[in-house]
Amino acid sequence: MRYLDQNLHSRIEEKLSKLNGLRPLPPTIIQKLKQQFSIEMTYNSNAIEGNSLTLKETAWVIQDGLTIKGKPLKDHLEAKDHYEALNYLYETIEHDSQQTISEVFIRTLHTLVVRETEREEAGVYRTTNVMITGSDHTPPDVSQVSSAMNELIKWVRKNQKNLHPIEQAALLHHKIVHIHPFTDGNGRTARLAMNLILMHKGYPLVVVLKNDRRKYYRVLSQADKEVYQPLIRFLAQAVERSLNIYLKVLFPATKKSQKYFSLSEISKLTPYSEKYLNLLARYGKIEAHKEKRIWVTTKAAIERYMKERKRKRNVTV
């Protein structure tokens, strides 16, 4: 591993192993989780880009075909398009285990993402130079887009075995948005594309939350300066969140130590302040994930952290 924190990596691999040990999963549970994650990802990925539909409204549009009064038609179409692109991703993974990242795959995802909102530009590399509002990064000149995408695919093939899947997925995501090959829909396409790598390795669908948008843009900006660890840690925490949700459904918590507490609650049960626990959570030092805007963790996670900290102290004495 070049970038992924060892503790966070170990936790993720342990949970993935636990999930793999349960396969094949019951079809009813698979369908329930797939639907939950599909709606959640569609909502969050579109909301990051400014779509005004709420999570519940997104579900109504997708599941029931409803039109939400007062919301733009474009927002409805974006929800339907993203959902179709996500279905294509799922179908690809289910029926073609050999499918790898390619220009055709990326362009197909983009075609579906903007099919009803940017028909003339769907799947077509941009023909003009662009600037990204609020970013210091200027994407490559339009004359370099095709060659940059070609180099991206070469990089993917070269690093399939050299990088951990989470590292490769995070870097792929960054490279796509860094090149900014399309006029619109680059972020949504990148977030879908990175999931091909992860899901082929058995990870659940990974969702970047709207509530984490500011941090998300910040770690992407750091990656523009070739500081990749924050982005990879950010994605790894999103991976862990998805694994937690799957395991929580498959293994409902029955012991008090397995119950999730907010950091303000857990701070009253441990020697640590809420501020310190927040720092540990953000840097992946403790097992924690966000539920809406709130970090949550377990007593067992804090106990493991304390035990590991004590062990390291004993080693250095």
Protein backbone atom coordinates (compact mmCIF):
# COMPACT_ATOMS: atom_id res chain seq x y z
CA MET A 1 0.00 0.00 0.00
CA ARG A 2 1.28 3.42 -0.90
CA TYR A 3 -1.31 5.71 0.64
CA LEU A 4 -3.93 3.84 2.71
CA ASP A 5 -3.61 4.01 6.50
CA GLN A 6 -2.84 0.54 7.89
CA ASN A 7 -5.44 0.59 10.68
CA LEU A 8 -8.20 1.73 8.37
CA HIS A 9 -7.10 -0.80 5.76
CA SER A 10 -7.16 -3.64 8.30
CA ARG A 11 -10.66 -2.74 9.49
CA ILE A 12 -11.99 -2.60 5.94
CA GLU A 13 -10.42 -5.90 4.94
CA GLU A 14 -11.79 -7.57 8.07
CA LYS A 15 -15.30 -6.36 7.28
CA LEU A 16 -15.03 -7.31 3.62
CA SER A 17 -13.90 -10.78 4.65
CA LYS A 18 -16.87 -11.04 6.99
CA LEU A 19 -19.23 -9.98 4.19
CA ASN A 20 -17.65 -12.39 1.71
CA GLY A 21 -18.08 -15.18 4.24
CA LEU A 22 -21.84 -14.68 4.04
CA ARG A 23 -22.05 -14.95 0.26
CA PRO A 24 -24.21 -15.80 -1.54
CA LEU A 25 -26.42 -13.27 0.20
CA PRO A 26 -30.21 -13.83 0.39
CA PRO A 27 -31.84 -12.40 -2.79
CA THR A 28 -34.42 -10.40 -0.82
CA ILE A 29 -31.71 -8.68 1.21
CA ILE A 30 -29.61 -8.02 -1.90
CA GLN A 31 -32.57 -6.37 -3.61
CA LYS A 32 -33.40 -4.28 -0.56
CA LEU A 33 -29.82 -3.04 -0.17
CA LYS A 34 -29.41 -2.44 -3.91
CA GLN A 35 -32.52 -0.27 -4.01
CA GLN A 36 -31.51 1.63 -0.88
CA PHE A 37 -28.01 2.35 -2.18
CA SER A 38 -29.20 3.18 -5.70
CA ILE A 39 -31.58 5.87 -4.49
CA GLU A 40 -29.08 7.16 -1.94
CA MET A 41 -26.29 7.42 -4.49
CA THR A 42 -28.52 9.03 -7.12
CA TYR A 43 -29.66 11.64 -4.62
CA ASN A 44 -26.20 12.39 -3.20
CA SER A 45 -24.29 12.38 -6.48
CA ASN A 46 -26.78 14.73 -8.12
CA ALA A 47 -27.10 16.94 -5.02
CA ILE A 48 -23.33 17.47 -4.95
CA GLU A 49 -23.73 19.03 -8.40
CA GLY A 50 -26.63 21.27 -7.32
CA ASN A 51 -29.74 19.15 -7.94
CA SER A 52 -32.53 20.41 -5.65
CA LEU A 53 -34.47 17.16 -5.12
CA THR A 54 -34.45 15.78 -1.58
CA LEU A 55 -33.71 12.12 -0.86
CA LYS A 56 -37.42 11.36 -0.49
CA GLU A 57 -38.30 13.29 -3.65
CA THR A 58 -35.59 11.41 -5.55
CA ALA A 59 -37.18 8.13 -4.45
CA TRP A 60 -40.62 9.33 -5.57
CA VAL A 61 -39.30 10.34 -8.99
CA ILE A 62 -37.42 7.06 -9.51
CA GLN A 63 -39.82 4.57 -7.95
CA ASP A 64 -43.19 6.15 -8.61
CA GLY A 65 -42.54 8.42 -11.59
CA LEU A 66 -43.94 11.41 -9.73
CA THR A 67 -43.38 15.03 -10.68
CA ILE A 68 -42.41 17.21 -7.76
CA LYS A 69 -44.20 20.54 -7.76
CA GLY A 70 -41.88 23.53 -7.83
CA LYS A 71 -38.80 21.53 -8.80
CA PRO A 72 -37.12 21.99 -12.22
CA LEU A 73 -37.73 19.41 -14.95
CA LYS A 74 -33.94 19.13 -15.35
CA ASP A 75 -33.63 17.85 -11.76
CA HIS A 76 -36.20 15.13 -12.46
CA LEU A 77 -34.42 14.08 -15.64
CA GLU A 78 -31.04 14.00 -13.87
CA ALA A 79 -32.45 11.63 -11.25
CA LYS A 80 -33.84 9.25 -13.87
CA ASP A 81 -30.66 9.41 -15.95
CA HIS A 82 -28.35 8.72 -13.02
CA TYR A 83 -30.50 5.81 -11.90
CA GLU A 84 -30.27 4.29 -15.40
CA ALA A 85 -26.50 4.76 -15.42
CA LEU A 86 -26.31 3.02 -12.07
CA ASN A 87 -28.41 0.13 -13.37
CA TYR A 88 -25.95 -0.18 -16.26
CA LEU A 89 -23.09 -0.34 -13.75
CA TYR A 90 -24.84 -3.08 -11.75
CA GLU A 91 -25.65 -5.07 -14.90
CA THR A 92 -22.06 -4.79 -16.10
CA ILE A 93 -20.71 -6.13 -12.81
CA GLU A 94 -23.28 -8.93 -12.62
CA HIS A 95 -22.85 -10.15 -16.20
CA ASP A 96 -19.28 -9.28 -17.16
CA SER A 97 -16.66 -10.00 -14.52
CA GLN A 98 -13.94 -9.21 -17.07
CA GLN A 99 -15.12 -5.65 -17.78
CA THR A 100 -12.38 -3.17 -16.96
CA ILE A 101 -12.15 0.60 -17.11
CA SER A 102 -12.04 1.70 -20.73
CA GLU A 103 -12.83 4.82 -22.70
CA VAL A 104 -15.92 3.09 -24.09
CA PHE A 105 -17.13 2.25 -20.58
CA ILE A 106 -16.56 5.79 -19.29
CA ARG A 107 -18.24 7.35 -22.32
CA THR A 108 -21.20 4.97 -22.00
CA LEU A 109 -21.64 5.95 -18.35
CA HIS A 110 -21.53 9.61 -19.33
CA THR A 111 -24.04 9.06 -22.14
CA LEU A 112 -26.52 7.64 -19.64
CA VAL A 113 -25.82 10.29 -16.98
CA VAL A 114 -26.70 13.22 -19.28
CA ARG A 115 -28.90 11.45 -21.84
CA GLU A 116 -32.00 13.59 -21.28
CA THR A 117 -30.35 16.84 -20.20
CA GLU A 118 -27.38 17.23 -22.56
CA ARG A 119 -28.27 14.97 -25.48
CA GLU A 120 -25.88 16.51 -28.00
CA GLU A 121 -22.93 16.20 -25.61
CA ALA A 122 -23.72 12.74 -24.21
CA GLY A 123 -20.62 10.56 -24.40
CA VAL A 124 -18.74 13.17 -26.43
CA TYR A 125 -15.45 14.66 -25.26
CA ARG A 126 -15.64 18.41 -24.85
CA THR A 127 -14.78 20.60 -27.83
CA THR A 128 -13.96 23.76 -25.87
CA ASN A 129 -11.71 24.73 -22.99
CA VAL A 130 -13.36 24.97 -19.58
CA MET A 131 -12.76 26.52 -16.19
CA ILE A 132 -13.96 25.00 -12.91
CA THR A 133 -15.66 27.56 -10.69
CA GLY A 134 -14.07 27.81 -7.25
CA SER A 135 -11.05 25.68 -8.18
CA ASP A 136 -7.41 26.57 -8.75
CA HIS A 137 -7.16 23.75 -11.27
CA THR A 138 -7.49 24.41 -14.99
CA PRO A 139 -8.27 21.23 -16.96
CA PRO A 140 -6.08 20.33 -19.94
CA ASP A 141 -6.49 22.15 -23.22
CA VAL A 142 -9.22 20.68 -25.40
CA SER A 143 -6.56 19.46 -27.85
CA GLN A 144 -5.11 17.23 -25.09
CA VAL A 145 -8.32 15.60 -23.84
CA SER A 146 -8.27 12.56 -26.11
CA SER A 147 -4.60 11.77 -25.45
CA ALA A 148 -5.08 12.36 -21.69
CA MET A 149 -7.93 9.84 -21.61
CA ASN A 150 -5.83 7.37 -23.56
CA GLU A 151 -3.04 7.77 -20.99
CA LEU A 152 -5.59 7.31 -18.20
CA ILE A 153 -6.58 3.89 -19.53
CA LYS A 154 -2.91 2.90 -19.85
CA TRP A 155 -2.42 3.95 -16.21
CA VAL A 156 -5.38 1.82 -15.10
CA ARG A 157 -4.02 -1.27 -16.83
CA LYS A 158 -0.52 -0.70 -15.52
CA ASN A 159 -1.64 -0.29 -11.89
CA GLN A 160 -4.31 -2.98 -11.62
CA LYS A 161 -1.99 -5.12 -9.51
CA ASN A 162 0.25 -2.42 -8.06
CA LEU A 163 -2.39 -0.55 -6.08
CA HIS A 164 -5.01 -1.54 -3.55
CA PRO A 165 -8.49 -1.32 -5.16
CA ILE A 166 -9.46 1.63 -2.93
CA GLU A 167 -6.31 3.50 -3.90
CA GLN A 168 -6.83 2.75 -7.57
CA ALA A 169 -10.51 3.78 -7.43
CA ALA A 170 -9.70 7.07 -5.68
CA LEU A 171 -6.92 7.94 -8.11
CA LEU A 172 -9.06 6.98 -11.11
CA HIS A 173 -11.80 9.27 -9.82
CA HIS A 174 -9.36 12.13 -9.44
CA LYS A 175 -7.82 11.61 -12.88
CA ILE A 176 -11.22 11.75 -14.58
CA VAL A 177 -12.30 14.98 -12.89
CA HIS A 178 -8.79 16.40 -13.34
CA ILE A 179 -8.97 15.85 -17.09
CA HIS A 180 -12.61 16.99 -17.12
CA PRO A 181 -13.20 15.24 -20.46
CA PHE A 182 -16.86 16.22 -20.79
CA THR A 183 -18.58 19.57 -20.76
CA ASP A 184 -20.86 18.47 -17.90
CA GLY A 185 -21.40 15.34 -15.79
CA ASN A 186 -17.73 14.62 -15.03
CA GLY A 187 -18.18 14.21 -11.27
CA ARG A 188 -21.19 11.92 -11.58
CA THR A 189 -19.40 9.83 -14.21
CA ALA A 190 -16.22 9.58 -12.10
CA ARG A 191 -18.13 8.48 -8.99
CA LEU A 192 -19.83 5.74 -10.99
CA ALA A 193 -16.66 4.63 -12.77
CA MET A 194 -14.64 4.22 -9.58
CA ASN A 195 -17.31 1.82 -8.30
CA LEU A 196 -16.58 -0.63 -11.12
CA ILE A 197 -13.15 -1.24 -9.59
CA LEU A 198 -14.48 -1.53 -6.06
CA MET A 199 -17.53 -3.67 -6.77
CA HIS A 200 -15.56 -6.13 -8.91
CA LYS A 201 -13.51 -6.75 -5.74
CA GLY A 202 -16.62 -7.44 -3.65
CA TYR A 203 -17.11 -4.05 -2.02
CA PRO A 204 -20.65 -2.66 -1.83
CA LEU A 205 -21.57 0.43 -3.83
CA VAL A 206 -19.73 3.44 -2.38
CA VAL A 207 -21.55 6.75 -1.98
CA VAL A 208 -20.00 10.19 -1.57
CA LEU A 209 -22.42 12.06 0.67
CA LYS A 210 -23.73 15.52 -0.12
CA ASN A 211 -23.10 16.47 3.52
CA ASP A 212 -19.40 15.84 2.91
CA ARG A 213 -19.28 18.01 -0.21
CA ARG A 214 -16.92 20.66 1.20
CA LYS A 215 -14.46 18.04 2.43
CA TYR A 216 -14.81 16.15 -0.86
CA TYR A 217 -13.87 19.20 -2.90
CA ARG A 218 -11.02 19.96 -0.50
CA VAL A 219 -9.40 16.53 -0.82
CA LEU A 220 -9.80 16.66 -4.61
CA SER A 221 -8.07 20.04 -4.58
CA GLN A 222 -5.23 18.53 -2.54
CA ALA A 223 -4.97 15.71 -5.08
CA ASP A 224 -4.58 18.35 -7.81
CA LYS A 225 -1.35 19.24 -5.99
CA GLU A 226 -0.33 15.54 -5.91
CA VAL A 227 -1.26 15.14 -2.23
CA TYR A 228 -3.32 11.99 -2.56
CA GLN A 229 -3.60 10.53 0.93
CA PRO A 230 -6.53 12.73 2.09
CA LEU A 231 -8.61 11.72 -0.95
CA ILE A 232 -7.82 8.03 -0.49
CA ARG A 233 -8.63 8.19 3.22
CA PHE A 234 -11.89 10.00 2.39
CA LEU A 235 -12.90 7.28 -0.07
CA ALA A 236 -11.80 4.50 2.30
CA GLN A 237 -14.10 5.91 4.98
CA ALA A 238 -16.94 5.90 2.45
CA VAL A 239 -16.11 2.26 1.70
CA GLU A 240 -16.20 1.43 5.40
CA ARG A 241 -19.57 3.18 5.74
CA SER A 242 -21.06 0.98 3.00
CA LEU A 243 -19.64 -2.16 4.60
CA ASN A 244 -21.07 -1.09 7.97
CA ILE A 245 -24.54 -0.69 6.46
CA TYR A 246 -24.40 -4.11 4.81
CA LEU A 247 -23.18 -5.83 7.96
CA LYS A 248 -25.69 -4.00 10.12
CA VAL A 249 -28.52 -5.37 7.96
CA LEU A 250 -27.04 -8.87 7.95
CA PHE A 251 -26.00 -8.82 11.62
CA PRO A 252 -28.49 -6.68 13.59
CA ALA A 253 -26.80 -5.35 16.71
CA THR A 254 -27.84 -7.28 19.78
CA LYS A 255 -25.11 -6.39 22.26
CA LYS A 256 -24.90 -3.02 23.92
CA SER A 257 -21.25 -2.70 22.89
CA GLN A 258 -22.33 -2.96 19.25
CA LYS A 259 -24.75 -0.07 19.45
CA TYR A 260 -23.77 3.07 17.59
CA PHE A 261 -23.48 6.29 19.60
CA SER A 262 -22.91 9.86 18.52
CA LEU A 263 -19.50 11.22 19.50
CA SER A 264 -21.09 13.48 22.09
CA GLU A 265 -22.73 10.43 23.68
CA ILE A 266 -19.66 8.19 23.48
CA SER A 267 -17.45 10.92 24.98
CA LYS A 268 -19.41 10.56 28.24
CA LEU A 269 -18.63 6.84 28.28
CA THR A 270 -14.90 7.14 27.47
CA PRO A 271 -11.89 9.21 28.60
CA TYR A 272 -11.94 11.26 25.38
CA SER A 273 -13.61 14.55 24.52
CA GLU A 274 -16.04 14.87 21.62
CA LYS A 275 -13.53 17.12 19.81
CA TYR A 276 -10.74 14.52 20.10
CA LEU A 277 -13.06 11.72 18.98
CA ASN A 278 -14.10 13.81 15.99
CA LEU A 279 -10.44 14.16 15.04
CA LEU A 280 -9.91 10.41 15.35
CA ALA A 281 -12.98 9.73 13.22
CA ARG A 282 -12.00 12.17 10.47
CA TYR A 283 -8.53 10.63 10.18
CA GLY A 284 -9.79 7.04 10.27
CA LYS A 285 -8.11 6.25 13.59
CA ILE A 286 -11.31 4.81 15.03
CA GLU A 287 -14.08 2.86 13.37
CA ALA A 288 -16.76 5.49 12.72
CA HIS A 289 -19.10 6.63 10.00
CA LYS A 290 -21.61 9.40 9.41
CA GLU A 291 -25.34 9.04 9.78
CA LYS A 292 -26.64 12.16 8.06
CA ARG A 293 -24.31 14.86 9.43
CA ILE A 294 -23.34 13.10 12.65
CA TRP A 295 -20.31 10.88 13.26
CA VAL A 296 -21.23 7.69 15.12
CA THR A 297 -19.10 4.93 16.62
CA THR A 298 -19.30 2.09 19.13
CA LYS A 299 -17.88 1.46 22.58
CA ALA A 300 -16.08 -1.56 21.15
CA ALA A 301 -14.37 0.65 18.56
CA ILE A 302 -13.10 3.01 21.26
CA GLU A 303 -11.93 0.08 23.37
CA ARG A 304 -9.97 -1.30 20.40
CA TYR A 305 -8.36 2.09 19.86
CA MET A 306 -7.40 2.33 23.56
CA LYS A 307 -6.00 -1.20 23.50
CA GLU A 308 -3.94 -0.50 20.37
CA ARG A 309 -2.66 2.77 21.83
CA LYS A 310 -1.62 1.02 25.02
CA ARG A 311 0.14 -1.71 23.04
CA LYS A 312 2.15 0.86 21.07
CA ARG A 313 3.16 2.63 24.28
CA ASN A 314 4.40 -0.63 25.76
CA VAL A 315 6.41 -1.36 22.62
CA THR A 316 8.19 2.01 22.74
CA VAL A 317 8.97 1.84 26.45
